[in-house]
Structure formats: C-alpha cells, structure tokens
Amino acid sequence: MRIFLTGSSGFIGSHVADNLLARGHEVFAVHRGTEPPSRLEDCAANPRLTRIANVDLIDASAIRAALNQARPDVVVHAAAHGVQRRDRNEEMMALVNVVGSLNLLHACATRVLKRFVWLGTALEYKSQAAPLDETAPLEPLDPYGASKLTAWRSANSFFEREQLPLVTLRLFPVYGPREDAEKLVPFLCKAACKGEALRLERADSVTDYLHVSDAAAVVGHAIEGPLKDGEAYNVASERGVTQRELAVKIFACSGKKPGYVPVEVVPSGLPLIGKAAKLRATGWSPRVDLDAGLKQTFDWYQTRV
C-alpha cells in the first residue's frame, strides 16, 4: 500500500518508516526541512521510500500538494510538537498539534482512505494510581497531552461526520535508538558510557516503557490487522520501572554501578502504567523485553558518545 507518513524525521516516525518498508509498503515520508533527515539514513536508499520535503503541517496548501503527490491508501499521523522539553511552547503546540492536524484532516476528508492511523499519547489521560486502560478519564494536566487530546477530538469528529477510517494508538513512553539526547534513557546511556554520577530528582517515579521497535510494529498492525475504525487502543508494555531501576539496568550494560549526586528529591507523583489488553486481543504483543531493549539501546548510544 501507499502510505503517507507525517513526522517521518522524528524518533518514532523514522522507526515507523523502517517497519513499513520492511513490510513491503511504499512510504511517502513527509518532513519540514529540505535536507534528508538523519534519522532516515538507514532506509534512504530503499526504492520504496519517497521523501516529500519542506512540508509544514500549518501550511494547508503544502499538505494538500503532498497528498496529491503521494495518492495514499493510508495516512499515518506521527508528527507532533512538544515532545522535547525545549519545544514546550504552548502556542506552538496548539499551532502544530491542533491547527496542523486539522489541516491534515480537512485535506484527507475528500479522499478515499483505507485507514487513518493517529498516534496519540498516554499523557492525554488523567493521572491515577491504577494502570490506565482505554476507559480512563481523558483529562490531561500536561500541556502537550492537552494539545494532543484537543486534536484527537477533532479527528474523532471526522470519523463520526465524514466516516474517516480512524484508528487511534495511545503510546505510553517509548525508548530506543535515535531518541533525543535529553530524554531519560539516552541521558542514562551516555552517563553510563562516561561513568558519570547521576542527578535523579524523581528516582522512584514509576513509568511504563515500550521499545520503539514494538511501537513501530503496532502501526503496521493497525494498517494490516483487525483493529476497528473509531476505536482507541493503548500501546504499552504493562510493566512499570523506576528511574533508579532503569539506571541500574543501563549501567550494568557498561559493567558499572551508578553513582548519585545528592539532590533535593521532588515528589514522584502517580505512576504511568498502561493496560493494553484491548490491543493484545487483536494479536499484537510487545516482543522486546526491557533488559534486552536497554542493552540494544545502550550499544547504539555507546558508538555515538
């Protein structure tokens, strides 16, 4: 199938491109810049990859032109603003995540698509002590989660009004090669490589981490599998781990034990753990366990420190 992929230059989007190409699909990788994205280097020579450069979601005419070029069977919307701490500008999050997504939705409304795969986030949920399933309240406190939820509500209205074949995947935190250096797992990998002492203000906070290859594979599953239009599915490992446990596991990859700089501890808050029984019932399950995934990720960063 011909697949139109937004966010292809991003951490998750680039792995989605790899996975879809490996499945035999044609991928039209949309990105804002004019230069080939570094994260797409591994698949750049694949003849089934077409880059559509210099496309900004907030430019409605550019989106329409890109769709006209790609003539897709499927759209995968992985683009977002605000994932990185440096991008936490609420105006830009609203502009890209809400207005940009609306531009894409309007451009797709007149097309015949087999599927529109929407990548959401667990941050759209209200925090709670128990693991989160799809019935948990959608009441985000995080501004990024709020912008993503606002955009998703618009997407859901297109499903109801225009019969857009929408499938929503709410991803719990994803880690792996190519993740931005400021995120926790890359930070710990680089500290382990250098033998640096750690500053962990939320050492006991509990988070559900999913390897990026499993996150990418679920997009292919959403396109090819028995997921239902109009439904939302959590994508999670269903296992929580503390920052301190992550540090021990990653430093063990280097044969070291982590040292810690004394810091004022910030309350860890509620855990962020997902329940993915609904998705598992469709035949998907994560294949990469945490220890193996951290070792593979550490080895990748070790060659780049």
Protein backbone atom coordinates (compact mmCIF):
# COMPACT_ATOMS: atom_id res chain seq x y z
CA MET A 1 0.00 0.00 0.00
CA ARG A 2 0.95 3.64 -0.45
CA ILE A 3 1.40 5.20 2.99
CA PHE A 4 1.64 8.90 3.75
CA LEU A 5 3.69 9.34 6.94
CA THR A 6 3.91 12.62 8.84
CA GLY A 7 6.63 13.05 11.46
CA SER A 8 8.94 10.79 9.47
CA SER A 9 12.06 12.65 10.62
CA GLY A 10 11.21 12.12 14.28
CA PHE A 11 12.29 9.42 16.70
CA ILE A 12 9.19 7.24 16.45
CA GLY A 13 8.28 8.25 12.90
CA SER A 14 11.63 7.15 11.49
CA HIS A 15 11.23 3.70 13.03
CA VAL A 16 7.68 3.52 11.66
CA ALA A 17 9.14 4.21 8.20
CA ASP A 18 11.65 1.38 8.66
CA ASN A 19 8.94 -1.05 9.75
CA LEU A 20 6.51 -0.18 6.97
CA LEU A 21 9.21 -0.52 4.33
CA ALA A 22 10.19 -3.91 5.78
CA ARG A 23 6.55 -4.97 5.38
CA GLY A 24 6.71 -4.13 1.67
CA HIS A 25 4.74 -0.88 1.67
CA GLU A 26 5.56 2.29 -0.23
CA VAL A 27 6.26 5.10 2.22
CA PHE A 28 5.91 8.79 1.43
CA ALA A 29 7.90 10.39 4.23
CA VAL A 30 6.78 13.95 4.87
CA HIS A 31 9.11 16.31 6.73
CA ARG A 32 9.57 20.04 7.21
CA GLY A 33 13.20 20.54 6.22
CA THR A 34 14.81 20.43 2.80
CA GLU A 35 17.79 18.24 3.78
CA PRO A 36 17.45 14.45 4.13
CA PRO A 37 16.65 13.70 7.80
CA SER A 38 19.50 11.95 9.60
CA ARG A 39 17.08 9.53 11.25
CA LEU A 40 16.07 8.21 7.81
CA GLU A 41 19.64 7.38 6.78
CA ASP A 42 19.16 3.64 7.33
CA CYS A 43 16.35 3.44 4.77
CA ALA A 44 17.31 6.35 2.48
CA ALA A 45 18.38 4.05 -0.37
CA ASN A 46 15.18 1.97 -0.28
CA PRO A 47 13.41 2.41 -3.64
CA ARG A 48 10.01 2.28 -1.93
CA LEU A 49 10.81 5.38 0.16
CA THR A 50 9.88 8.77 -1.26
CA ARG A 51 10.76 11.87 0.73
CA ILE A 52 8.37 14.81 0.43
CA ALA A 53 10.44 17.67 1.81
CA ASN A 54 9.61 21.17 3.02
CA VAL A 55 6.07 20.37 4.13
CA ASP A 56 4.82 22.15 7.24
CA LEU A 57 1.56 20.96 8.79
CA ILE A 58 0.46 24.52 9.42
CA ASP A 59 0.59 25.19 5.66
CA ALA A 60 -2.69 23.73 4.40
CA SER A 61 -1.78 24.13 0.73
CA ALA A 62 1.52 22.28 1.24
CA ILE A 63 -0.33 19.40 2.89
CA ARG A 64 -2.81 19.17 0.01
CA ALA A 65 0.00 19.23 -2.54
CA ALA A 66 1.90 16.48 -0.69
CA LEU A 67 -1.22 14.29 -0.57
CA ASN A 68 -1.80 14.87 -4.27
CA GLN A 69 1.76 13.71 -4.94
CA ALA A 70 1.51 10.62 -2.72
CA ARG A 71 -2.04 9.49 -3.59
CA PRO A 72 -2.03 7.37 -0.42
CA ASP A 73 -4.12 4.40 0.59
CA VAL A 74 -3.26 5.03 4.26
CA VAL A 75 -2.25 8.08 6.30
CA VAL A 76 -0.16 7.69 9.46
CA HIS A 77 -0.06 10.87 11.54
CA ALA A 78 3.03 10.71 13.75
CA ALA A 79 4.01 14.40 13.69
CA ALA A 80 3.76 16.39 16.91
CA HIS A 81 5.33 19.37 18.66
CA GLY A 82 6.20 19.45 22.36
CA VAL A 83 7.67 16.00 22.90
CA GLN A 84 11.04 17.53 23.81
CA ARG A 85 11.42 19.82 26.79
CA ARG A 86 12.93 22.54 24.59
CA ASP A 87 9.74 22.56 22.48
CA ARG A 88 7.35 23.18 25.35
CA ASN A 89 5.93 26.38 23.87
CA GLU A 90 2.17 26.14 24.29
CA GLU A 91 1.40 28.39 21.33
CA MET A 92 3.48 26.21 19.02
CA MET A 93 1.93 23.05 20.46
CA ALA A 94 -1.52 24.43 19.70
CA LEU A 95 -0.47 25.59 16.24
CA VAL A 96 1.21 22.35 15.14
CA ASN A 97 -0.72 19.72 17.09
CA VAL A 98 -4.18 21.25 16.72
CA VAL A 99 -4.23 23.54 13.68
CA GLY A 100 -1.73 21.43 11.73
CA SER A 101 -3.69 18.26 12.44
CA LEU A 102 -6.90 19.98 11.35
CA ASN A 103 -5.25 20.93 8.07
CA LEU A 104 -4.34 17.29 7.52
CA LEU A 105 -7.82 16.08 8.48
CA HIS A 106 -9.55 18.51 6.13
CA ALA A 107 -7.22 17.51 3.30
CA CYS A 108 -7.96 13.83 3.92
CA ALA A 109 -11.73 14.24 4.25
CA THR A 110 -12.21 14.34 0.47
CA ARG A 111 -10.04 11.26 -0.14
CA VAL A 112 -10.89 7.57 -0.09
CA LEU A 113 -8.57 6.05 2.51
CA LYS A 114 -8.35 2.52 3.80
CA ARG A 115 -7.12 3.74 7.18
CA PHE A 116 -6.01 6.84 9.04
CA VAL A 117 -3.69 5.86 11.91
CA TRP A 118 -3.48 8.51 14.63
CA LEU A 119 -0.60 8.37 17.11
CA GLY A 120 -1.72 9.74 20.47
CA THR A 121 -0.10 9.76 23.88
CA ALA A 122 -0.74 8.36 27.35
CA LEU A 123 -0.43 11.95 28.59
CA GLU A 124 -3.98 12.51 27.34
CA TYR A 125 -5.23 10.53 30.35
CA LYS A 126 -5.87 11.80 33.86
CA SER A 127 -3.17 10.50 36.21
CA GLN A 128 -4.25 7.73 38.55
CA ALA A 129 -2.65 5.14 40.81
CA ALA A 130 -4.04 2.14 38.92
CA PRO A 131 -2.86 1.12 35.44
CA LEU A 132 -4.66 3.04 32.71
CA ASP A 133 -6.94 1.34 30.23
CA GLU A 134 -8.95 2.95 27.43
CA THR A 135 -11.84 3.78 29.79
CA ALA A 136 -9.66 6.03 31.96
CA PRO A 137 -10.74 9.70 32.01
CA LEU A 138 -9.27 11.87 29.26
CA GLU A 139 -8.36 14.82 31.48
CA PRO A 140 -4.72 15.78 30.85
CA LEU A 141 -2.80 18.13 33.12
CA ASP A 142 0.22 18.17 30.83
CA PRO A 143 0.01 20.90 28.11
CA TYR A 144 1.39 18.55 25.46
CA GLY A 145 -1.24 15.95 26.37
CA ALA A 146 -3.92 18.66 26.31
CA SER A 147 -2.97 19.77 22.79
CA LYS A 148 -2.90 16.18 21.56
CA LEU A 149 -6.30 15.46 23.10
CA THR A 150 -7.82 18.58 21.55
CA ALA A 151 -6.55 17.50 18.14
CA TRP A 152 -7.80 13.94 18.65
CA ARG A 153 -11.30 15.16 19.48
CA SER A 154 -11.32 16.89 16.09
CA ALA A 155 -10.10 13.69 14.43
CA ASN A 156 -12.84 11.70 16.15
CA SER A 157 -15.44 14.15 14.86
CA PHE A 158 -14.17 13.48 11.32
CA PHE A 159 -14.72 9.78 11.97
CA GLU A 160 -18.29 10.45 13.07
CA ARG A 161 -19.16 13.07 10.41
CA GLU A 162 -17.07 12.09 7.42
CA GLN A 163 -16.57 8.35 8.06
CA LEU A 164 -12.80 8.87 8.23
CA PRO A 165 -11.41 5.35 8.90
CA LEU A 166 -9.66 6.47 12.08
CA VAL A 167 -7.73 4.15 14.38
CA THR A 168 -6.09 5.73 17.44
CA LEU A 169 -2.96 4.37 19.12
CA ARG A 170 -2.17 5.94 22.51
CA LEU A 171 1.50 5.31 23.10
CA PHE A 172 2.98 5.02 26.56
CA PRO A 173 6.59 6.25 26.88
CA VAL A 174 8.81 4.90 24.11
CA TYR A 175 12.59 4.46 24.22
CA GLY A 176 15.28 3.16 21.89
CA PRO A 177 17.91 4.18 19.33
CA ARG A 178 17.59 7.67 17.79
CA GLU A 179 15.73 9.15 20.76
CA ASP A 180 16.58 12.76 21.56
CA ALA A 181 19.60 13.07 23.86
CA GLU A 182 17.73 15.00 26.56
CA LYS A 183 15.29 12.16 27.27
CA LEU A 184 15.86 9.89 30.25
CA VAL A 185 17.10 6.67 28.61
CA PRO A 186 19.65 8.37 26.30
CA PHE A 187 20.79 10.51 29.23
CA LEU A 188 21.39 7.40 31.33
CA CYS A 189 23.12 5.59 28.45
CA LYS A 190 25.55 8.43 27.93
CA ALA A 191 26.19 8.77 31.66
CA ALA A 192 26.92 5.03 31.84
CA CYS A 193 29.34 5.26 28.91
CA LYS A 194 31.23 8.07 30.62
CA GLY A 195 30.92 6.75 34.18
CA GLU A 196 29.23 9.97 35.34
CA ALA A 197 27.38 10.36 38.64
CA LEU A 198 23.64 10.89 38.25
CA ARG A 199 21.23 13.57 39.41
CA LEU A 200 17.85 11.85 39.72
CA GLU A 201 15.26 14.12 41.29
CA ARG A 202 12.46 11.61 40.68
CA ALA A 203 14.38 8.40 41.23
CA ASP A 204 11.34 6.50 42.48
CA SER A 205 8.83 7.61 39.83
CA VAL A 206 7.33 4.62 38.01
CA THR A 207 6.84 4.57 34.23
CA ASP A 208 5.82 2.03 31.61
CA TYR A 209 8.50 1.95 28.88
CA LEU A 210 7.98 0.40 25.45
CA HIS A 211 10.79 -0.30 22.97
CA VAL A 212 10.48 1.75 19.79
CA SER A 213 10.51 -1.31 17.54
CA ASP A 214 7.34 -2.52 19.26
CA ALA A 215 5.77 0.92 18.89
CA ALA A 216 6.64 0.95 15.19
CA ALA A 217 5.32 -2.58 14.67
CA VAL A 218 1.93 -1.68 16.10
CA VAL A 219 1.46 0.89 13.34
CA GLY A 220 1.88 -1.83 10.74
CA HIS A 221 -0.51 -3.98 12.76
CA ALA A 222 -3.05 -1.14 12.79
CA ILE A 223 -2.86 -0.95 8.99
CA GLU A 224 -2.92 -4.67 8.26
CA GLY A 225 -4.67 -6.13 11.32
CA PRO A 226 -8.21 -6.41 12.66
CA LEU A 227 -8.36 -3.12 14.58
CA LYS A 228 -11.72 -1.36 14.34
CA ASP A 229 -12.36 2.08 12.88
CA GLY A 230 -13.28 4.64 15.51
CA GLU A 231 -11.55 2.76 18.32
CA ALA A 232 -8.62 3.82 20.51
CA TYR A 233 -6.00 1.33 21.69
CA ASN A 234 -3.36 1.69 24.38
CA VAL A 235 0.15 0.67 23.33
CA ALA A 236 2.11 -0.30 26.44
CA SER A 237 4.40 -2.91 27.95
CA GLU A 238 2.13 -3.06 31.04
CA ARG A 239 5.17 -3.08 33.34
CA GLY A 240 6.41 -0.17 35.38
CA VAL A 241 10.03 0.61 36.28
CA THR A 242 11.53 3.36 38.44
CA GLN A 243 14.19 5.75 37.24
CA ARG A 244 16.58 4.21 39.76
CA GLU A 245 15.94 0.71 38.39
CA LEU A 246 16.48 1.99 34.86
CA ALA A 247 19.81 3.49 35.90
CA VAL A 248 20.99 0.22 37.46
CA LYS A 249 19.98 -1.77 34.38
CA ILE A 250 21.67 0.61 31.94
CA PHE A 251 24.87 0.99 33.96
CA ALA A 252 25.03 -2.83 34.16
CA CYS A 253 25.35 -2.81 30.36
CA SER A 254 28.63 -0.96 30.81
CA GLY A 255 29.81 -3.14 33.68
CA LYS A 256 29.46 -0.28 36.15
CA LYS A 257 27.26 0.68 39.07
CA PRO A 258 25.68 4.14 39.05
CA GLY A 259 26.78 6.79 41.48
CA TYR A 260 24.41 9.52 42.57
CA VAL A 261 24.82 13.22 43.27
CA PRO A 262 22.77 14.22 46.33
CA VAL A 263 19.80 16.30 45.14
CA GLU A 264 16.60 17.63 46.63
CA VAL A 265 14.07 14.92 45.82
CA VAL A 266 10.91 16.00 44.01
CA PRO A 267 7.76 14.02 44.84
CA SER A 268 7.48 11.25 42.29
CA GLY A 269 3.73 11.56 41.72
CA LEU A 270 1.45 8.86 40.40
CA PRO A 271 2.78 6.02 38.23
CA LEU A 272 2.26 5.99 34.46
CA ILE A 273 1.48 2.38 33.56
CA GLY A 274 -0.75 1.21 30.73
CA LYS A 275 -3.12 -1.68 30.20
CA ALA A 276 -3.09 -2.95 26.63
CA ALA A 277 -5.49 -5.91 26.83
CA LYS A 278 -7.70 -4.42 24.10
CA LEU A 279 -4.79 -4.28 21.67
CA ARG A 280 -3.42 -7.68 22.72
CA ALA A 281 -6.81 -9.18 21.85
CA THR A 282 -6.18 -8.19 18.21
CA GLY A 283 -2.98 -10.26 18.06
CA TRP A 284 -0.34 -7.68 19.00
CA SER A 285 2.07 -8.02 21.91
CA PRO A 286 5.45 -6.42 22.66
CA ARG A 287 8.39 -8.57 21.62
CA VAL A 288 11.32 -6.72 23.20
CA ASP A 289 11.69 -7.12 26.96
CA LEU A 290 13.13 -4.24 28.94
CA ASP A 291 16.58 -5.71 29.64
CA ALA A 292 17.18 -6.68 26.00
CA GLY A 293 15.84 -3.35 24.77
CA LEU A 294 18.03 -1.33 27.13
CA LYS A 295 21.11 -3.33 26.12
CA GLN A 296 20.43 -2.74 22.44
CA THR A 297 19.82 0.96 23.09
CA PHE A 298 22.97 1.29 25.22
CA ASP A 299 25.06 -0.36 22.49
CA TRP A 300 23.68 2.10 19.92
CA TYR A 301 24.48 5.17 22.03
CA GLN A 302 27.86 3.78 23.06
CA THR A 303 29.09 4.12 19.47
CA ARG A 304 27.93 7.74 19.39
CA VAL A 305 29.27 9.20 22.65
